Protein backbone atom coordinates (compact mmCIF):
# COMPACT_ATOMS: atom_id res chain seq x y z
CA MET A 1 226.15 101.32 181.84
CA LEU A 2 226.95 98.30 179.69
CA ALA A 3 223.34 97.38 179.27
CA ARG A 4 222.50 100.88 178.02
CA TRP A 5 225.27 100.54 175.45
CA GLY A 6 224.16 97.27 174.40
CA GLN A 7 220.58 98.51 173.81
CA TRP A 8 221.87 101.23 171.62
CA ALA A 9 224.16 98.85 169.73
CA LEU A 10 221.06 96.61 169.13
CA LEU A 11 218.95 99.52 167.99
CA LEU A 12 221.68 100.77 165.59
CA GLY A 13 222.13 97.29 164.14
CA THR A 14 218.47 96.93 163.54
CA LEU A 15 218.18 100.39 161.93
CA TRP A 16 221.32 99.50 159.85
CA PHE A 17 219.73 96.33 158.32
CA LEU A 18 216.13 97.75 157.97
CA PRO A 19 216.52 98.92 154.40
CA LEU A 20 218.06 95.60 153.29
CA ASN A 21 215.32 93.70 155.04
CA THR A 22 212.57 95.87 153.51
CA SER A 23 214.16 95.43 149.91
CA MET A 24 214.45 91.63 150.39
CA GLY A 25 210.91 91.46 151.71
CA LEU A 26 209.46 93.31 148.70
CA SER A 27 211.53 91.21 146.44
CA ILE A 28 210.19 88.04 147.86
CA GLY A 29 206.65 89.48 147.84
CA ARG A 30 206.95 90.19 144.20
CA TRP A 31 208.35 86.63 143.54
CA TYR A 32 205.44 85.10 145.46
CA GLN A 33 202.83 87.27 143.71
CA ASP A 34 204.27 86.36 140.33
CA GLY A 35 204.22 82.73 141.01
CA MET A 36 200.81 82.73 142.38
CA ASP A 37 199.32 84.72 139.48
CA SER A 38 201.05 82.15 136.94
CA PHE A 39 199.38 79.26 138.98
CA VAL A 40 195.94 80.90 139.01
CA ARG A 41 196.20 81.58 135.26
CA GLY A 42 196.94 77.83 134.71
CA VAL A 43 194.01 76.66 136.79
CA GLY A 44 191.75 79.23 135.01
CA ALA A 45 192.91 77.98 131.73
CA ARG A 46 191.94 74.35 132.83
CA THR A 47 195.49 73.04 132.55
CA PRO A 48 195.50 69.35 133.47
CA ILE A 49 196.60 68.41 137.00
CA PRO A 50 199.83 66.69 135.95
CA THR A 51 200.85 69.61 133.91
CA LEU A 52 199.95 72.08 136.72
CA ALA A 53 202.07 70.10 139.19
CA ARG A 54 205.11 69.81 136.87
CA GLU A 55 205.07 73.36 135.94
CA HIS A 56 204.56 74.92 139.30
CA ARG A 57 206.28 72.40 141.68
CA PRO A 58 209.40 74.61 141.97
CA PHE A 59 207.18 77.48 143.44
CA LEU A 60 204.43 75.63 145.23
CA LEU A 61 205.97 72.34 146.54
CA PRO A 62 209.78 72.13 145.56
CA TRP A 63 210.49 68.88 147.19
CA SER A 64 207.68 66.62 145.70
CA GLU A 65 205.93 66.67 142.36
CA ALA A 66 203.93 63.60 143.44
CA GLU A 67 202.53 65.24 146.69
CA LEU A 68 201.54 68.37 144.88
CA GLN A 69 199.73 66.31 142.18
CA SER A 70 198.01 64.42 144.93
CA GLY A 71 196.86 67.53 146.73
CA LEU A 72 195.60 69.27 143.53
CA LEU A 73 193.75 65.87 142.87
CA MET A 74 192.17 66.24 146.23
CA LEU A 75 191.02 69.87 145.51
CA LYS A 76 189.52 68.61 142.31
CA GLU A 77 187.67 65.82 144.08
CA SER A 78 186.40 67.95 146.62
CA ARG A 79 184.95 70.13 143.76
CA LEU A 80 186.40 73.10 145.39
CA GLY A 81 186.12 76.48 143.64
CA PRO A 82 187.84 76.55 140.12
CA PHE A 83 189.63 73.18 140.79
CA ARG A 84 186.26 71.45 139.82
CA GLN A 85 186.97 72.51 136.22
CA VAL A 86 190.63 71.34 135.98
CA PRO A 87 190.98 68.09 134.16
CA GLU A 88 192.69 65.20 135.91
CA ASP A 89 194.68 63.82 132.90
CA PRO A 90 194.26 64.58 129.16
CA ARG A 91 194.78 60.96 128.33
């Protein structure tokens, strides 16, 4: 009997939080899409790698601008897609 009540309690708890979970998921999805759109625009505009890393670090790799810059440089050196057109450093 207790197991049945426990199952119902879990179901009701799940259903109670479903709208909040859905709302938060959609919000995070919009944040992610906006961040990626901005990054793609920067790559398409041939923004230099140091600038891309500085401007998009909070979204792409918040803990290390140096690691992000290194990764972007690897993509350029690999001549991968649009990264082949991105300048390394404007200096």
